[in-house]
Amino acid sequence: MSFFIAEVSSNHSQNLNRALKFIDIASEIGCDAVKFQLFKIEKLFSQEVLESSKEHLARKAWELPLDFLPHLKKRSGEKGIQLGFSPFYIEAVDELEPFVDFFKIASYELLWDDLLIKCAYTKKPVIISTGMANMSEIIHAVKILRSHGCEPKVLHCTSSYPTKYFEANLSAIETIRKNTGCLVGWSDHTVNKAVISRAIHRWNADVIEFHIDIEGDGEEFNSGHCWLPNDMKKLINEVSEGLSADGKGVKEPIDAEIDNRLWRTDPSDGLRPFKSIRDKLRKK
């Protein structure tokens, strides 16, 4: 079964109760982890961007307050799921370390060696996303993490919000796996059940990350790349059922077939059932 991560992103609306509800929902629908982001606008965008773009400056309202961290850790522990965070500035790694189970490096930060190294030094698991990256950039990031004692998991993704199904390029999962030797998964922006199912059942995606909102009121929902809880719950259940259908690979009758075996065609005369059953029927 793939490891499912519910990405809250900025849909928490700086509301602690809402942020905690995301953890509750992630647990209820069958996720293994829930993930948030920690950024400060002034440390995310250059001054030129903030001075020229009111849209980027307005994302100040998307920041997650630091005082949420102990509460998020406590709730995730109570719900039995892991808590992950994407740090977007160097100091965020130290601020997050006491509270998180793993770090996630976002696609836009993949080239930032210092951030990779800082996360590796914590000795906590690290997952990296690879949207927009080419293979040499991915190999470099993996090499940096490994050289500092960290064996990362890698997520293939397309950094388009939303991603069209034909832009998913899921076969790159295997390309990344062969070139890095890492466990590789899929970070979804398609909100397409068929894409995620294909990533798991055809390309053996070890990790599935998806963006989630509660009811469609989150900051990022209107962009079209966020799942709603019931839809993802159905998908996780279907994936679980599909994997359970694989069985053990031994070809032999299952318990439900045993009684029917004697009702097969008797090879001596081409009639059903076996003659042993016919004999019992005649004696009644």
Protein backbone atom coordinates (compact mmCIF):
# COMPACT_ATOMS: atom_id res chain seq x y z
CA MET A 1 0.00 0.00 0.00
CA SER A 2 1.35 3.42 -0.91
CA PHE A 3 2.05 5.99 1.78
CA PHE A 4 -0.61 8.74 1.49
CA ILE A 5 0.22 12.32 2.49
CA ALA A 6 -2.51 14.97 2.74
CA GLU A 7 -0.96 18.36 1.85
CA VAL A 8 -2.80 21.20 3.60
CA SER A 9 -0.66 23.91 2.04
CA SER A 10 -2.26 27.30 2.85
CA ASN A 11 -5.83 26.06 3.24
CA HIS A 12 -5.58 26.34 7.05
CA SER A 13 -6.53 30.06 6.81
CA GLN A 14 -4.35 30.83 9.87
CA ASN A 15 -7.06 29.24 12.02
CA LEU A 16 -5.80 26.70 14.56
CA ASN A 17 -9.09 24.82 14.87
CA ARG A 18 -9.28 24.54 11.10
CA ALA A 19 -5.67 23.32 10.94
CA LEU A 20 -6.41 20.68 13.56
CA LYS A 21 -9.49 19.61 11.63
CA PHE A 22 -7.28 18.86 8.64
CA ILE A 23 -5.37 16.37 10.79
CA ASP A 24 -8.60 14.77 11.96
CA ILE A 25 -9.86 14.45 8.40
CA ALA A 26 -6.57 13.10 7.05
CA SER A 27 -6.71 10.36 9.66
CA GLU A 28 -10.39 9.60 9.01
CA ILE A 29 -9.95 9.13 5.27
CA GLY A 30 -7.02 6.76 5.66
CA CYS A 31 -3.92 8.92 5.19
CA ASP A 32 -0.58 8.03 6.74
CA ALA A 33 0.55 11.63 7.14
CA VAL A 34 -0.56 15.22 6.97
CA LYS A 35 1.73 18.00 5.78
CA PHE A 36 1.84 21.77 6.20
CA GLN A 37 4.15 24.51 4.95
CA LEU A 38 6.21 26.99 6.96
CA PHE A 39 7.19 30.15 5.15
CA LYS A 40 7.51 33.88 5.70
CA ILE A 41 6.73 36.01 2.70
CA GLU A 42 9.74 38.25 3.28
CA LYS A 43 12.00 35.17 3.18
CA LEU A 44 10.18 33.52 0.29
CA PHE A 45 10.14 36.25 -2.39
CA SER A 46 12.69 38.90 -3.24
CA GLN A 47 11.99 42.52 -2.36
CA GLU A 48 11.53 43.33 -6.04
CA VAL A 49 8.63 40.88 -6.25
CA LEU A 50 6.96 42.10 -3.07
CA GLU A 51 7.23 45.73 -4.12
CA SER A 52 5.81 45.10 -7.58
CA SER A 53 3.16 42.45 -6.90
CA LYS A 54 0.29 42.97 -4.49
CA GLU A 55 -0.80 39.40 -5.21
CA HIS A 56 2.42 37.97 -3.81
CA LEU A 57 2.42 40.36 -0.86
CA ALA A 58 -1.13 39.28 -0.01
CA ARG A 59 0.15 35.77 0.64
CA LYS A 60 1.26 37.08 4.02
CA ALA A 61 -2.20 35.92 5.07
CA TRP A 62 -1.23 32.36 4.11
CA GLU A 63 1.59 32.03 6.63
CA LEU A 64 1.20 29.41 9.34
CA PRO A 65 1.78 30.84 12.85
CA LEU A 66 4.66 29.24 14.71
CA ASP A 67 2.58 28.79 17.84
CA PHE A 68 0.45 26.25 15.96
CA LEU A 69 3.33 23.76 15.89
CA PRO A 70 2.99 22.08 19.32
CA HIS A 71 -0.76 21.77 18.83
CA LEU A 72 -0.35 20.16 15.41
CA LYS A 73 2.21 17.73 16.80
CA LYS A 74 -0.06 16.78 19.69
CA ARG A 75 -3.11 16.22 17.48
CA SER A 76 -1.23 14.17 14.88
CA GLY A 77 0.10 11.97 17.68
CA GLU A 78 -3.40 11.48 19.04
CA LYS A 79 -4.65 10.53 15.58
CA GLY A 80 -1.76 8.19 14.90
CA ILE A 81 -0.53 9.82 11.70
CA GLN A 82 2.77 11.46 10.86
CA LEU A 83 3.26 15.21 10.70
CA GLY A 84 5.39 16.63 7.90
CA PHE A 85 6.37 20.15 6.95
CA SER A 86 7.95 21.91 4.00
CA PRO A 87 10.43 24.51 5.26
CA PHE A 88 10.88 27.49 2.95
CA TYR A 89 13.66 29.32 4.80
CA ILE A 90 16.76 27.99 6.53
CA GLU A 91 15.74 28.91 10.08
CA ALA A 92 12.45 27.07 9.58
CA VAL A 93 14.28 23.75 9.83
CA ASP A 94 15.34 24.48 13.42
CA GLU A 95 11.88 25.81 14.26
CA LEU A 96 10.25 22.65 12.92
CA GLU A 97 12.68 19.98 14.08
CA PRO A 98 11.12 19.35 17.54
CA PHE A 99 7.69 18.83 16.05
CA VAL A 100 7.91 17.04 12.70
CA ASP A 101 8.26 13.42 11.67
CA PHE A 102 9.68 14.29 8.25
CA PHE A 103 10.68 17.20 6.04
CA LYS A 104 9.51 17.77 2.50
CA ILE A 105 11.50 19.88 0.06
CA ALA A 106 9.15 21.60 -2.38
CA SER A 107 9.88 21.66 -6.10
CA TYR A 108 10.78 25.35 -6.15
CA GLU A 109 13.44 24.77 -3.46
CA LEU A 110 15.00 21.67 -5.04
CA LEU A 111 18.11 23.53 -6.20
CA TRP A 112 18.85 25.02 -2.76
CA ASP A 113 21.67 22.81 -1.48
CA ASP A 114 21.92 24.62 1.86
CA LEU A 115 18.29 23.79 2.67
CA LEU A 116 18.78 20.16 1.68
CA ILE A 117 21.87 19.91 3.87
CA LYS A 118 20.15 21.59 6.81
CA CYS A 119 17.29 19.07 6.65
CA ALA A 120 19.69 16.15 6.28
CA TYR A 121 21.55 17.18 9.44
CA THR A 122 18.38 16.70 11.50
CA LYS A 123 18.52 12.95 10.74
CA LYS A 124 14.80 13.04 10.04
CA PRO A 125 13.40 11.55 6.81
CA VAL A 126 13.39 13.86 3.80
CA ILE A 127 11.10 13.76 0.78
CA ILE A 128 11.85 15.88 -2.28
CA SER A 129 9.50 17.00 -5.04
CA THR A 130 10.78 17.32 -8.58
CA GLY A 131 8.36 19.51 -10.52
CA MET A 132 10.14 21.50 -13.28
CA ALA A 133 13.38 19.62 -12.64
CA ASN A 134 15.46 17.67 -15.13
CA MET A 135 17.17 14.40 -14.30
CA SER A 136 20.58 15.92 -13.59
CA GLU A 137 19.07 18.33 -11.05
CA ILE A 138 17.27 15.46 -9.31
CA ILE A 139 20.42 13.33 -9.22
CA HIS A 140 22.33 16.27 -7.75
CA ALA A 141 19.77 16.80 -4.97
CA VAL A 142 19.81 13.10 -4.09
CA LYS A 143 23.60 13.11 -4.07
CA ILE A 144 23.69 16.11 -1.73
CA LEU A 145 21.31 14.45 0.72
CA ARG A 146 23.11 11.12 0.61
CA SER A 147 26.48 12.75 1.15
CA HIS A 148 25.06 14.16 4.38
CA GLY A 149 23.66 10.89 5.66
CA CYS A 150 20.11 11.09 4.34
CA GLU A 151 18.39 8.59 2.04
CA PRO A 152 15.54 10.60 0.48
CA LYS A 153 12.28 9.61 -1.09
CA VAL A 154 11.57 11.35 -4.37
CA LEU A 155 8.22 12.51 -5.71
CA HIS A 156 7.67 13.00 -9.41
CA CYS A 157 5.22 15.82 -10.06
CA THR A 158 4.20 18.44 -12.59
CA SER A 159 4.27 21.98 -11.20
CA SER A 160 1.12 23.13 -12.91
CA TYR A 161 -1.96 23.96 -10.86
CA PRO A 162 -4.02 22.07 -11.84
CA THR A 163 -2.15 19.55 -13.96
CA LYS A 164 -3.98 18.07 -16.94
CA TYR A 165 -3.99 14.28 -16.92
CA PHE A 166 -1.97 14.08 -20.14
CA GLU A 167 0.73 16.27 -18.56
CA ALA A 168 1.35 13.83 -15.69
CA ASN A 169 4.11 11.87 -17.49
CA LEU A 170 3.81 9.06 -14.94
CA SER A 171 6.42 6.91 -16.68
CA ALA A 172 9.01 9.35 -15.32
CA ILE A 173 8.48 7.64 -11.95
CA GLU A 174 10.39 4.65 -13.26
CA THR A 175 13.00 6.87 -14.91
CA ILE A 176 13.70 8.58 -11.58
CA ARG A 177 13.77 5.24 -9.78
CA LYS A 178 16.32 3.76 -12.19
CA ASN A 179 18.54 6.85 -12.11
CA THR A 180 18.55 7.41 -8.35
CA GLY A 181 17.80 4.07 -6.72
CA CYS A 182 15.35 5.91 -4.45
CA LEU A 183 11.82 5.07 -3.47
CA VAL A 184 9.73 7.19 -5.83
CA GLY A 185 6.16 8.43 -5.64
CA TRP A 186 3.73 10.89 -7.18
CA SER A 187 2.75 14.36 -5.94
CA ASP A 188 -0.65 14.98 -7.46
CA HIS A 189 -2.01 18.21 -8.92
CA THR A 190 -4.48 16.56 -11.31
CA VAL A 191 -7.33 15.70 -8.91
CA ASN A 192 -7.88 12.74 -11.20
CA LYS A 193 -8.59 9.31 -9.73
CA ALA A 194 -7.34 7.51 -12.83
CA VAL A 195 -3.96 9.25 -12.63
CA ILE A 196 -3.33 8.29 -9.02
CA SER A 197 -4.55 4.73 -9.57
CA ARG A 198 -2.22 4.42 -12.57
CA ALA A 199 0.71 5.81 -10.59
CA ILE A 200 0.19 3.13 -7.96
CA HIS A 201 -0.86 0.07 -9.95
CA ARG A 202 1.29 0.54 -13.05
CA TRP A 203 4.27 2.55 -11.84
CA ASN A 204 4.45 1.31 -8.23
CA ALA A 205 4.42 4.76 -6.67
CA ASP A 206 5.59 4.29 -3.07
CA VAL A 207 4.26 7.64 -1.87
CA ILE A 208 1.19 9.60 -2.93
CA GLU A 209 0.95 13.24 -1.93
CA PHE A 210 -2.19 15.23 -2.71
CA HIS A 211 -3.53 18.68 -1.83
CA ILE A 212 -6.62 18.66 0.35
CA ASP A 213 -9.30 21.12 1.41
CA ILE A 214 -12.15 20.60 3.85
CA GLU A 215 -15.15 22.00 2.03
CA GLY A 216 -13.89 24.22 -0.78
CA ASP A 217 -13.33 27.41 1.24
CA GLY A 218 -9.53 27.13 1.45
CA GLU A 219 -7.25 29.72 -0.13
CA GLU A 220 -6.03 27.33 -2.82
CA PHE A 221 -9.17 25.36 -3.64
CA ASN A 222 -10.28 27.56 -6.52
CA SER A 223 -7.00 26.89 -8.31
CA GLY A 224 -8.38 23.44 -9.06
CA HIS A 225 -5.66 21.19 -7.63
CA CYS A 226 -7.16 20.26 -4.24
CA TRP A 227 -9.09 17.11 -3.38
CA LEU A 228 -12.10 17.06 -1.07
CA PRO A 229 -12.13 14.46 1.74
CA ASN A 230 -14.90 12.14 0.56
CA ASP A 231 -13.42 11.87 -2.93
CA MET A 232 -10.01 10.92 -1.60
CA LYS A 233 -11.47 8.53 0.98
CA LYS A 234 -13.18 6.62 -1.84
CA LEU A 235 -9.94 6.51 -3.81
CA ILE A 236 -7.86 5.27 -0.87
CA ASN A 237 -10.44 2.56 -0.20
CA GLU A 238 -10.43 1.54 -3.87
CA VAL A 239 -6.64 1.37 -3.90
CA SER A 240 -6.67 -0.78 -0.78
CA GLU A 241 -9.28 -3.10 -2.28
CA GLY A 242 -7.35 -3.32 -5.53
CA LEU A 243 -4.13 -4.27 -3.78
CA SER A 244 -5.95 -6.80 -1.60
CA ALA A 245 -7.23 -8.41 -4.80
CA ASP A 246 -3.66 -9.36 -5.75
CA GLY A 247 -3.72 -12.32 -3.36
CA LYS A 248 -0.76 -14.60 -2.67
CA GLY A 249 -0.10 -15.73 -6.22
CA VAL A 250 -0.73 -19.43 -5.53
CA LYS A 251 -3.20 -20.96 -7.98
CA GLU A 252 -5.45 -23.22 -5.94
CA PRO A 253 -9.15 -23.24 -5.04
CA ILE A 254 -10.18 -20.74 -2.41
CA ASP A 255 -12.60 -21.71 0.34
CA ALA A 256 -15.55 -20.23 -1.55
CA GLU A 257 -14.85 -22.58 -4.49
CA ILE A 258 -14.50 -25.89 -2.64
CA ASP A 259 -18.17 -26.94 -2.75
CA ASN A 260 -18.43 -26.09 -6.45
CA ARG A 261 -15.51 -28.29 -7.45
CA LEU A 262 -17.65 -31.43 -7.49
CA TRP A 263 -20.24 -29.69 -9.65
CA ARG A 264 -17.87 -29.38 -12.55
CA THR A 265 -18.31 -31.46 -15.70
CA ASP A 266 -17.45 -35.12 -15.21
CA PRO A 267 -14.88 -35.88 -17.95
CA SER A 268 -16.28 -39.40 -18.43
CA ASP A 269 -19.56 -38.25 -19.97
CA GLY A 270 -19.42 -34.46 -20.26
CA LEU A 271 -22.28 -33.88 -17.82
CA ARG A 272 -22.45 -31.96 -14.59
CA PRO A 273 -21.91 -32.68 -11.70
CA PHE A 274 -19.34 -35.35 -10.92
CA LYS A 275 -20.83 -38.84 -10.76
CA SER A 276 -20.16 -38.99 -7.01
CA ILE A 277 -22.69 -36.20 -6.55
CA ARG A 278 -25.17 -37.87 -8.89
CA ASP A 279 -24.92 -41.07 -6.86
CA LYS A 280 -25.82 -39.17 -3.69
CA LEU A 281 -28.74 -37.52 -5.45
CA ARG A 282 -30.10 -40.93 -6.58
CA LYS A 283 -29.99 -42.27 -3.02
CA LYS A 284 -32.16 -39.47 -1.67
